[in-house]
Protein backbone atom coordinates (compact mmCIF):
# COMPACT_ATOMS: atom_id res chain seq x y z
CA MET A 1 92.92 106.60 123.86
CA ALA A 2 93.43 106.81 119.86
CA PHE A 3 93.07 103.68 118.08
CA THR A 4 96.83 101.79 117.09
CA VAL A 5 97.77 99.97 114.47
CA ALA A 6 100.98 98.95 113.99
CA ILE A 7 102.67 97.96 110.58
CA VAL A 8 105.10 95.34 110.10
CA GLY A 9 106.67 92.77 108.01
CA ARG A 10 110.20 91.36 106.74
CA PRO A 11 112.46 94.43 105.44
CA ASN A 12 112.22 96.39 102.13
CA VAL A 13 108.29 95.56 101.87
CA GLY A 14 107.39 99.39 102.14
CA LYS A 15 106.27 99.95 105.16
CA SER A 16 107.79 103.67 105.70
CA THR A 17 106.31 104.61 102.37
CA LEU A 18 103.05 103.17 103.89
CA PHE A 19 103.65 104.85 107.44
CA ASN A 20 104.24 108.14 105.53
CA ARG A 21 101.25 107.70 102.88
CA LEU A 22 98.92 107.08 106.24
CA VAL A 23 100.48 110.25 108.34
CA GLY A 24 100.69 112.16 104.91
CA ARG A 25 104.27 113.91 105.95
CA SER A 26 107.65 111.80 104.65
CA LEU A 27 107.86 111.25 108.50
CA ALA A 28 109.79 107.69 108.29
CA LEU A 29 113.06 107.44 105.98
CA VAL A 30 112.61 105.49 102.90
CA ASP A 31 115.03 103.55 101.23
CA ASP A 32 116.03 101.10 98.80
CA ALA A 33 118.09 99.25 101.51
CA PRO A 34 116.95 97.16 103.73
CA GLY A 35 116.61 97.83 107.81
CA SER A 36 116.28 101.43 107.17
CA THR A 37 114.06 101.55 110.04
CA ARG A 38 115.45 101.06 113.13
CA ASP A 39 113.08 102.73 115.57
CA ARG A 40 109.51 102.48 116.40
CA ARG A 41 108.11 105.95 114.54
CA GLU A 42 104.23 106.97 115.58
CA GLY A 43 102.49 109.19 113.99
CA GLU A 44 98.68 110.45 113.48
CA ALA A 45 97.21 108.78 110.40
CA LYS A 46 94.17 109.75 108.48
CA LEU A 47 92.41 107.24 106.01
CA GLY A 48 89.32 109.02 104.55
CA ASP A 49 87.30 109.47 107.66
CA LEU A 50 89.39 107.38 109.94
CA HIS A 51 91.66 108.88 112.35
CA PHE A 52 93.86 107.00 114.32
CA ARG A 53 97.56 106.42 116.00
CA VAL A 54 100.20 104.25 113.17
CA ILE A 55 103.64 103.04 114.28
CA ASP A 56 106.15 102.33 111.87
CA THR A 57 108.28 99.53 112.48
CA ALA A 58 111.82 97.87 111.78
CA GLY A 59 111.59 94.83 109.42
CA LEU A 60 111.52 91.72 111.32
CA ASP A 61 113.89 89.54 110.40
CA GLN A 62 115.92 86.54 112.23
CA ALA A 63 118.48 87.92 114.57
CA VAL A 64 121.20 87.31 117.08
CA PRO A 65 120.43 87.74 120.51
CA GLY A 66 122.74 91.40 122.37
CA THR A 67 122.52 92.36 119.04
CA THR A 68 121.30 95.76 116.83
CA GLU A 69 118.82 93.76 115.30
CA GLN A 70 117.78 91.77 118.12
CA ARG A 71 117.17 95.23 120.03
CA MET A 72 115.15 96.34 116.93
CA GLN A 73 112.92 93.38 117.09
CA ASP A 74 112.37 93.77 121.15
CA GLN A 75 111.36 97.34 119.48
CA THR A 76 108.63 95.79 117.29
CA THR A 77 107.37 93.57 119.90
CA ARG A 78 106.79 95.90 121.99
CA ALA A 79 104.57 97.80 118.97
CA LEU A 80 102.69 94.47 118.82
CA GLU A 81 101.80 94.19 122.32
CA GLY A 82 100.72 98.11 122.25
CA ALA A 83 99.02 97.66 118.96
CA ASP A 84 94.92 97.30 118.57
CA ALA A 85 95.18 96.00 115.13
CA ILE A 86 98.40 95.02 113.00
CA LEU A 87 98.98 95.22 109.22
CA PHE A 88 101.25 92.98 108.07
CA LEU A 89 103.04 93.59 104.70
CA ILE A 90 104.07 91.58 101.99
CA ASP A 91 105.59 91.99 99.09
CA GLY A 92 103.03 91.68 96.05
CA ARG A 93 106.13 91.57 93.68
CA ALA A 94 108.28 88.94 94.91
CA GLY A 95 104.94 86.87 96.72
CA VAL A 96 105.43 85.16 100.27
CA THR A 97 108.56 83.87 101.08
CA PRO A 98 109.64 81.83 103.75
CA LEU A 99 110.55 84.65 106.31
CA ASP A 100 106.41 85.82 105.18
CA ARG A 101 105.51 82.62 106.27
CA HIS A 102 107.94 82.13 109.27
CA PHE A 103 106.43 85.55 110.64
CA ALA A 104 102.81 85.14 109.82
CA ASP A 105 103.18 82.37 112.37
CA GLN A 106 103.93 84.58 115.38
CA ILE A 107 101.81 87.63 114.29
CA ARG A 108 98.61 84.68 114.82
CA ARG A 109 100.33 84.37 118.34
CA ALA A 110 100.02 88.29 119.19
CA LYS A 111 95.95 87.75 119.37
CA ARG A 112 94.97 91.16 117.59
CA PRO A 113 92.87 91.72 114.38
CA VAL A 114 95.28 91.53 111.62
CA VAL A 115 95.07 92.64 108.06
CA LEU A 116 97.37 91.28 105.58
CA VAL A 117 98.26 93.80 102.84
CA ALA A 118 99.86 92.95 100.15
CA ASN A 119 102.06 96.09 98.80
CA LYS A 120 103.99 97.14 95.70
CA ALA A 121 100.74 95.42 93.94
CA GLU A 122 100.43 98.15 90.89
CA ASN A 123 100.86 95.41 88.67
CA LEU A 124 98.90 92.51 90.04
CA ARG A 125 95.41 92.22 88.77
CA SER A 126 93.57 90.04 91.47
CA ALA A 127 94.85 88.35 94.88
CA ALA A 128 93.93 85.12 92.48
CA GLU A 129 98.07 86.14 91.78
CA LEU A 130 98.94 85.36 95.33
CA GLY A 131 97.36 82.31 95.48
CA ASP A 132 100.37 81.61 98.31
CA ALA A 133 98.79 84.31 100.23
CA PHE A 134 95.39 82.83 101.47
CA ALA A 135 98.04 79.62 103.32
CA LEU A 136 99.35 82.30 105.45
CA GLY A 137 95.95 82.35 107.40
CA LEU A 138 95.30 85.83 107.51
CA GLY A 139 92.41 86.39 105.36
CA GLU A 140 92.57 87.74 101.45
CA PRO A 141 95.46 90.52 101.21
CA VAL A 142 94.55 93.77 100.10
CA MET A 143 96.21 94.62 97.18
CA ILE A 144 97.84 98.32 97.69
CA ALA A 145 100.82 100.52 96.06
CA ALA A 146 101.34 102.73 98.41
CA GLU A 147 104.13 104.65 96.91
CA HIS A 148 101.35 105.58 94.11
CA GLY A 149 98.37 105.52 96.94
CA GLU A 150 96.12 102.96 95.20
CA GLY A 151 94.28 100.74 96.97
CA MET A 152 93.71 102.69 99.79
CA ALA A 153 89.90 102.38 99.91
CA ASP A 154 90.28 98.91 100.42
CA LEU A 155 92.77 99.47 102.67
CA PHE A 156 90.11 101.67 104.60
CA ASP A 157 87.46 99.15 104.35
CA ALA A 158 89.72 96.93 106.10
CA ILE A 159 90.54 98.74 109.56
CA ALA A 160 87.10 100.76 109.61
CA PRO A 161 85.23 97.80 110.95
CA LEU A 162 88.39 97.07 113.31
CA MET A 163 87.67 100.32 114.85
CA ALA A 164 83.97 100.20 114.97
CA ALA A 165 84.61 97.19 117.05
CA GLU A 166 86.55 98.63 119.36
CA ASN A 167 84.59 101.56 120.13
CA HIS A 168 86.67 103.65 119.70
CA GLY A 169 84.87 107.37 119.12
CA ASP A 170 88.41 108.62 116.41
CA ARG A 171 85.76 108.80 113.48
CA LEU A 172 84.77 111.88 112.36
CA ASP A 173 81.03 110.70 112.44
CA GLU A 174 79.56 109.13 115.21
CA GLY A 175 76.75 106.46 115.26
CA PRO A 176 76.31 104.16 111.96
CA THR A 177 78.74 104.23 109.08
CA PRO A 178 77.47 106.71 106.32
CA LEU A 179 77.49 106.00 102.86
CA ARG A 180 80.38 107.84 101.22
CA LEU A 181 78.86 109.34 98.37
CA ALA A 182 80.81 111.21 96.06
CA ILE A 183 79.45 113.65 92.93
CA VAL A 184 81.65 114.13 89.98
CA GLY A 185 81.38 115.08 86.37
CA ARG A 186 82.52 117.80 83.95
CA PRO A 187 82.60 121.48 84.92
CA ASN A 188 79.70 123.34 84.89
CA VAL A 189 77.19 120.49 84.71
CA GLY A 190 75.71 121.36 87.76
CA LYS A 191 77.01 119.14 90.85
CA SER A 192 77.00 121.72 93.82
CA THR A 193 73.67 122.81 92.42
CA LEU A 194 72.38 119.94 93.26
CA LEU A 195 74.22 118.70 96.53
CA ASN A 196 72.98 122.21 97.82
CA ARG A 197 69.36 120.94 96.40
CA LEU A 198 69.59 117.78 97.99
CA ILE A 199 70.79 118.86 101.59
CA GLY A 200 68.10 121.72 101.06
CA THR A 201 71.04 124.99 101.78
CA GLU A 202 73.32 126.95 99.61
CA ARG A 203 76.17 124.64 101.23
CA LEU A 204 78.44 125.54 98.05
CA VAL A 205 79.00 128.15 95.97
CA THR A 206 77.55 127.99 92.84
CA GLY A 207 77.40 130.08 89.46
CA PRO A 208 77.52 129.70 85.65
CA GLU A 209 81.19 130.10 85.81
CA PRO A 210 82.82 126.85 85.29
CA GLY A 211 85.57 125.81 87.59
CA ILE A 212 84.20 127.49 91.03
CA THR A 213 84.72 124.02 93.12
CA ARG A 214 87.86 123.43 93.30
CA ASP A 215 88.49 121.60 96.69
CA ALA A 216 86.25 117.92 97.63
CA ILE A 217 83.58 119.50 99.78
CA SER A 218 82.34 117.14 102.04
CA VAL A 219 79.41 117.34 104.11
CA ARG A 220 77.25 115.18 106.52
CA TRP A 221 73.97 114.73 105.79
CA SER A 222 71.22 112.26 106.50
CA TRP A 223 68.63 110.22 104.06
CA ARG A 224 65.35 108.95 105.89
CA GLY A 225 67.10 108.42 108.80
CA ARG A 226 70.61 107.03 107.15
CA PRO A 227 73.59 108.89 107.34
CA VAL A 228 75.37 109.90 104.16
CA ARG A 229 78.60 111.77 103.95
CA LEU A 230 78.10 113.87 99.99
CA VAL A 231 81.45 115.04 98.44
CA ASP A 232 81.46 117.64 96.08
CA THR A 233 84.23 117.64 93.34
CA ALA A 234 85.80 119.70 90.55
CA GLY A 235 84.89 119.40 87.54
CA MET A 236 87.13 117.03 85.35
CA ARG A 237 88.34 118.21 81.93
CA ARG A 238 89.86 115.95 79.68
CA ARG A 239 93.66 116.26 80.51
CA SER A 240 94.88 117.95 77.20
CA ARG A 241 93.01 120.81 78.77
CA ILE A 242 94.29 121.05 82.16
CA GLU A 243 97.31 123.43 82.36
CA ALA A 244 96.68 125.20 85.70
CA ARG A 245 98.91 123.69 88.95
CA ILE A 246 95.78 124.64 91.17
CA GLU A 247 93.13 122.59 88.56
CA LYS A 248 95.92 119.65 88.49
CA LEU A 249 95.58 119.40 92.35
CA SER A 250 91.83 119.58 92.19
CA ILE A 251 91.71 116.78 89.75
CA ALA A 252 94.19 114.82 91.71
CA GLU A 253 91.48 115.23 94.96
CA THR A 254 88.90 114.19 92.89
CA LEU A 255 90.35 110.80 91.60
CA SER A 256 91.52 109.92 95.17
CA THR A 257 87.64 110.72 96.39
CA ILE A 258 86.45 108.92 93.50
CA ARG A 259 88.87 105.67 95.14
CA PHE A 260 87.61 106.63 99.01
CA ALA A 261 83.44 106.16 97.95
CA GLU A 262 81.37 103.70 97.86
CA ILE A 263 78.72 105.12 95.31
CA VAL A 264 79.84 107.83 92.68
CA VAL A 265 76.27 110.02 91.16
CA LEU A 266 78.13 110.88 87.49
CA VAL A 267 76.61 113.95 86.50
CA VAL A 268 75.42 115.10 83.56
CA ASP A 269 74.36 117.93 81.40
CA ALA A 270 70.53 117.12 79.46
CA THR A 271 71.58 119.00 77.02
CA GLU A 272 74.86 117.33 75.44
CA PRO A 273 74.40 114.03 77.33
CA LEU A 274 77.64 111.97 77.62
CA GLY A 275 80.36 113.14 75.50
CA LYS A 276 83.68 111.33 75.52
CA GLN A 277 84.65 113.14 78.70
CA ASP A 278 81.62 111.88 80.52
CA LEU A 279 82.66 108.29 79.37
CA LEU A 280 85.86 108.35 80.66
CA ILE A 281 84.51 109.40 83.64
CA ALA A 282 82.93 106.59 84.27
CA GLU A 283 84.79 103.92 82.78
CA LEU A 284 87.22 105.53 85.65
CA VAL A 285 84.72 104.92 88.43
CA GLU A 286 84.27 101.37 86.99
CA ARG A 287 87.97 100.46 86.67
CA GLU A 288 87.91 101.87 91.12
CA GLY A 289 85.35 99.17 91.47
CA ARG A 290 82.93 101.77 92.68
CA GLY A 291 78.66 101.49 92.34
CA LEU A 292 77.95 104.03 89.90
CA VAL A 293 74.51 105.89 89.10
CA LEU A 294 73.97 108.19 85.84
CA ALA A 295 72.46 111.50 87.08
CA VAL A 296 71.01 113.54 83.72
CA ASN A 297 70.94 117.35 84.92
CA LYS A 298 69.38 120.34 83.31
CA TRP A 299 66.44 117.59 82.32
CA ASP A 300 64.13 120.84 82.27
CA LEU A 301 65.94 122.50 79.44
CA VAL A 302 65.05 119.13 76.97
CA THR A 303 62.26 119.73 74.65
CA ASP A 304 62.15 115.91 73.25
CA ARG A 305 62.33 113.89 75.80
CA ARG A 306 61.51 110.51 75.03
CA ALA A 307 64.23 110.87 71.96
CA THR A 308 66.83 111.78 74.18
CA LEU A 309 66.54 109.35 76.59
CA GLU A 310 66.26 106.46 74.41
CA GLN A 311 69.85 107.96 72.36
CA LEU A 312 71.08 107.50 76.64
CA ARG A 313 70.52 104.66 76.72
CA GLU A 314 71.39 103.87 73.31
CA ARG A 315 75.07 105.09 73.83
CA ILE A 316 74.96 103.29 77.32
CA GLU A 317 74.52 100.08 75.89
CA VAL A 318 76.96 100.58 73.18
CA SER A 319 79.96 102.17 75.17
CA LEU A 320 79.58 101.43 78.82
CA PRO A 321 78.77 97.53 78.42
CA GLN A 322 81.02 96.61 81.91
CA LEU A 323 77.83 98.26 83.25
CA LYS A 324 75.15 97.22 82.12
CA GLY A 325 72.18 98.05 84.03
CA LEU A 326 73.19 101.43 84.75
CA ARG A 327 70.45 103.58 86.48
CA ILE A 328 69.67 107.21 85.24
CA VAL A 329 67.96 109.68 87.13
CA THR A 330 66.77 112.50 85.16
CA LEU A 331 66.19 115.60 87.06
CA SER A 332 66.46 119.48 87.63
CA GLY A 333 69.22 120.55 90.68
CA LEU A 334 67.66 124.13 90.16
CA SER A 335 64.18 123.09 90.13
CA GLY A 336 64.15 120.15 92.23
CA MET A 337 62.45 117.97 89.36
CA GLY A 338 62.92 114.32 89.48
CA LEU A 339 64.97 114.96 92.79
CA GLU A 340 63.30 112.39 94.66
CA LYS A 341 64.26 109.42 92.66
CA LEU A 342 67.81 110.32 92.79
CA MET A 343 68.65 108.36 96.29
CA PRO A 344 66.74 105.60 96.33
CA ALA A 345 68.61 104.96 93.29
CA VAL A 346 71.96 105.55 95.31
CA TRP A 347 70.95 102.81 97.94
CA ALA A 348 69.65 100.14 95.41
CA THR A 349 73.06 100.14 93.60
CA HIS A 350 74.59 99.86 97.09
CA GLN A 351 72.47 97.18 97.82
CA ALA A 352 73.87 95.34 94.21
CA TRP A 353 77.33 96.58 95.24
CA SER A 354 77.29 94.69 98.80
CA LYS A 355 75.30 91.82 97.62
CA HIS A 356 76.65 88.38 98.53
CA VAL A 357 75.43 85.19 96.78
CA PRO A 358 75.64 81.97 98.58
CA THR A 359 78.21 79.51 96.85
CA PRO A 360 75.58 76.67 96.46
CA ALA A 361 73.46 78.98 94.40
CA LEU A 362 76.74 79.93 91.97
CA ASN A 363 77.69 76.39 91.80
CA ARG A 364 74.03 75.42 90.66
CA TRP A 365 74.29 78.39 88.49
CA LEU A 366 77.68 77.15 86.80
CA ALA A 367 76.31 73.41 85.86
CA SER A 368 73.33 74.89 83.93
CA VAL A 369 75.14 77.24 82.26
CA GLN A 370 78.00 74.42 80.95
CA GLU A 371 74.76 72.30 79.90
CA ARG A 372 73.02 75.22 78.00
CA HIS A 373 76.30 76.51 76.62
CA PRO A 374 79.66 74.27 77.31
CA PRO A 375 82.93 76.10 77.65
CA PRO A 376 85.12 75.97 73.91
CA LEU A 377 87.19 73.39 72.98
CA VAL A 378 91.38 73.85 73.66
CA ALA A 379 93.48 71.75 71.79
CA GLY A 380 90.84 69.23 71.26
CA ARG A 381 89.66 68.98 74.71
CA ARG A 382 86.92 70.51 76.60
CA LEU A 383 87.91 73.03 78.97
CA LYS A 384 86.50 71.85 82.88
CA LEU A 385 84.55 74.67 85.00
CA ARG A 386 84.80 73.11 88.19
CA TYR A 387 83.87 75.37 90.95
CA ILE A 388 82.82 79.27 91.64
CA ALA A 389 82.47 81.29 94.99
CA GLN A 390 82.33 84.45 95.70
CA ALA A 391 85.48 86.08 97.32
CA ASN A 392 84.55 89.31 98.14
CA ILE A 393 82.21 91.90 98.07
CA HIS A 394 82.70 95.79 97.06
CA PRO A 395 82.22 95.16 94.73
CA PRO A 396 80.96 91.75 93.50
CA THR A 397 84.15 89.58 92.79
CA PHE A 398 84.24 85.38 91.74
CA ALA A 399 87.20 83.19 92.13
CA LEU A 400 86.60 80.58 88.73
CA PHE A 401 88.16 77.23 89.45
CA ALA A 402 88.94 76.10 85.80
CA SER A 403 91.19 73.16 84.20
CA LYS A 404 92.74 75.31 82.89
CA PRO A 405 92.31 79.08 83.59
CA GLY A 406 95.15 80.53 81.06
CA GLU A 407 92.76 79.17 77.90
CA LEU A 408 89.71 80.79 78.80
CA PRO A 409 88.72 83.09 76.16
CA ASP A 410 87.53 86.69 77.14
CA SER A 411 84.22 86.38 75.25
CA TYR A 412 83.50 83.58 77.42
CA ARG A 413 84.38 85.13 80.78
CA ARG A 414 82.16 88.12 79.41
CA TYR A 415 79.58 85.85 78.58
CA LEU A 416 79.85 84.71 82.60
CA VAL A 417 80.06 87.97 84.06
CA ASN A 418 77.06 88.87 81.98
CA LEU A 419 74.95 86.12 82.87
CA LEU A 420 75.95 86.61 86.79
CA ARG A 421 74.94 90.24 86.63
CA GLU A 422 71.39 89.34 85.22
CA THR A 423 70.58 85.82 87.43
CA PHE A 424 71.70 87.31 90.18
CA ASP A 425 70.24 91.20 90.19
CA LEU A 426 73.73 93.13 89.99
CA PRO A 427 72.45 96.02 87.62
CA ALA A 428 75.47 98.79 86.76
CA VAL A 429 78.15 97.70 89.27
CA PRO A 430 81.28 96.39 88.37
CA ILE A 431 81.45 92.14 88.72
CA ARG A 432 85.74 91.32 89.16
CA MET A 433 86.12 87.18 88.16
CA MET A 434 89.48 85.92 88.83
CA LEU A 435 90.08 82.56 87.20
CA ARG A 436 92.67 80.14 89.35
CA LYS A 437 93.40 76.78 88.55
CA GLY A 438 92.17 73.62 90.68
CA ASP A 439 89.62 71.97 91.49
CA ASN A 440 86.84 72.64 94.19
CA PRO A 441 89.29 73.34 97.19
CA TYR A 442 86.65 72.74 99.86
CA ALA A 443 86.14 69.15 98.48
CA GLU A 444 86.56 66.28 100.86
CA LYS A 445 90.74 64.93 100.45
CA ASP A 446 91.31 61.65 100.74
């Protein structure tokens, strides 16, 4: 039987919008008025390479026995009983309400795996802005905006382990979870040629004309016994030069591929490396929280290789400081030169992207940093950095507790991020730092 996920939450938090997003069609009625959904609605959902059954339910509300609202709640209860996992939605704009807290207790009693989802969170920078959500006892919220399709990769990462634990065979791939690797870049830099060379067969159509690839083409592959899902994408041009509707659709699919990837290989042309569009793509990958590897293709056409490599490194240092330590692989997809260096760089980046730093080591580091370079003075008083812990991986995310987090200058926060990267060996991956007010949350209370 298919793995079943029930979407629940109080009225008007966006359950039907998420349902429609997962099934890929507008099956559920969506309206601003609460209570639009009355019956359970079921559909076949697809999220990345996950396939499962999803149920849209009526909004959880306190109802009088014998009323229509009570019968709606009965339908929701039955959906919970038949589900393998639950997505409990809250409104990221409104924050946690008393009704959310009331029904969180009911959800916990259902004895099903629960994923807490904060919808309508497009304007929130981090889960730290939803501090009350942690008090629900359902773990860290997954931040999404179902209406715009944002945060779907994070939702994928939350659901995939639950399906694996239930041993359901609804994944497109069997066995170990494959590494999701996207190949992106401007048109005609050799992305498809590189993918064909990697897998050892002419899987994709290639040619000198730019724009041959229109769809995001997924290829199952194995490197040294490790499963990989390679995705070749359409070339990404500047927005002002995109005119044809089909190209707009292709670019939208490429953006979606980046969001679902774990590691992204940005392919650039060695004869004209790191133009403005290449840098924009790299910044997009960093904003999406994906790990990045730079593949400098057509390296066999470069005459002064030392000077070209030096120029590349200087451009990265100046234009992409947020990706310090970015791994550069020089190669030729056409001849195969240097290709053996690409996948080791990908796996090393994935290891850093997945790294967890122990809390004691982080706090010893924080104490040492403050001794060497104390935080600045604010209104004549020194800011206190009290505690740090890693809140998440994919990418590495850290929660820093301070006396006045809003007063900590961006320059000092960047200094801390760069030191974290250097001290704990986190090159070329985005690092998120959430500033929160308060004392050490794990200290013993009187």
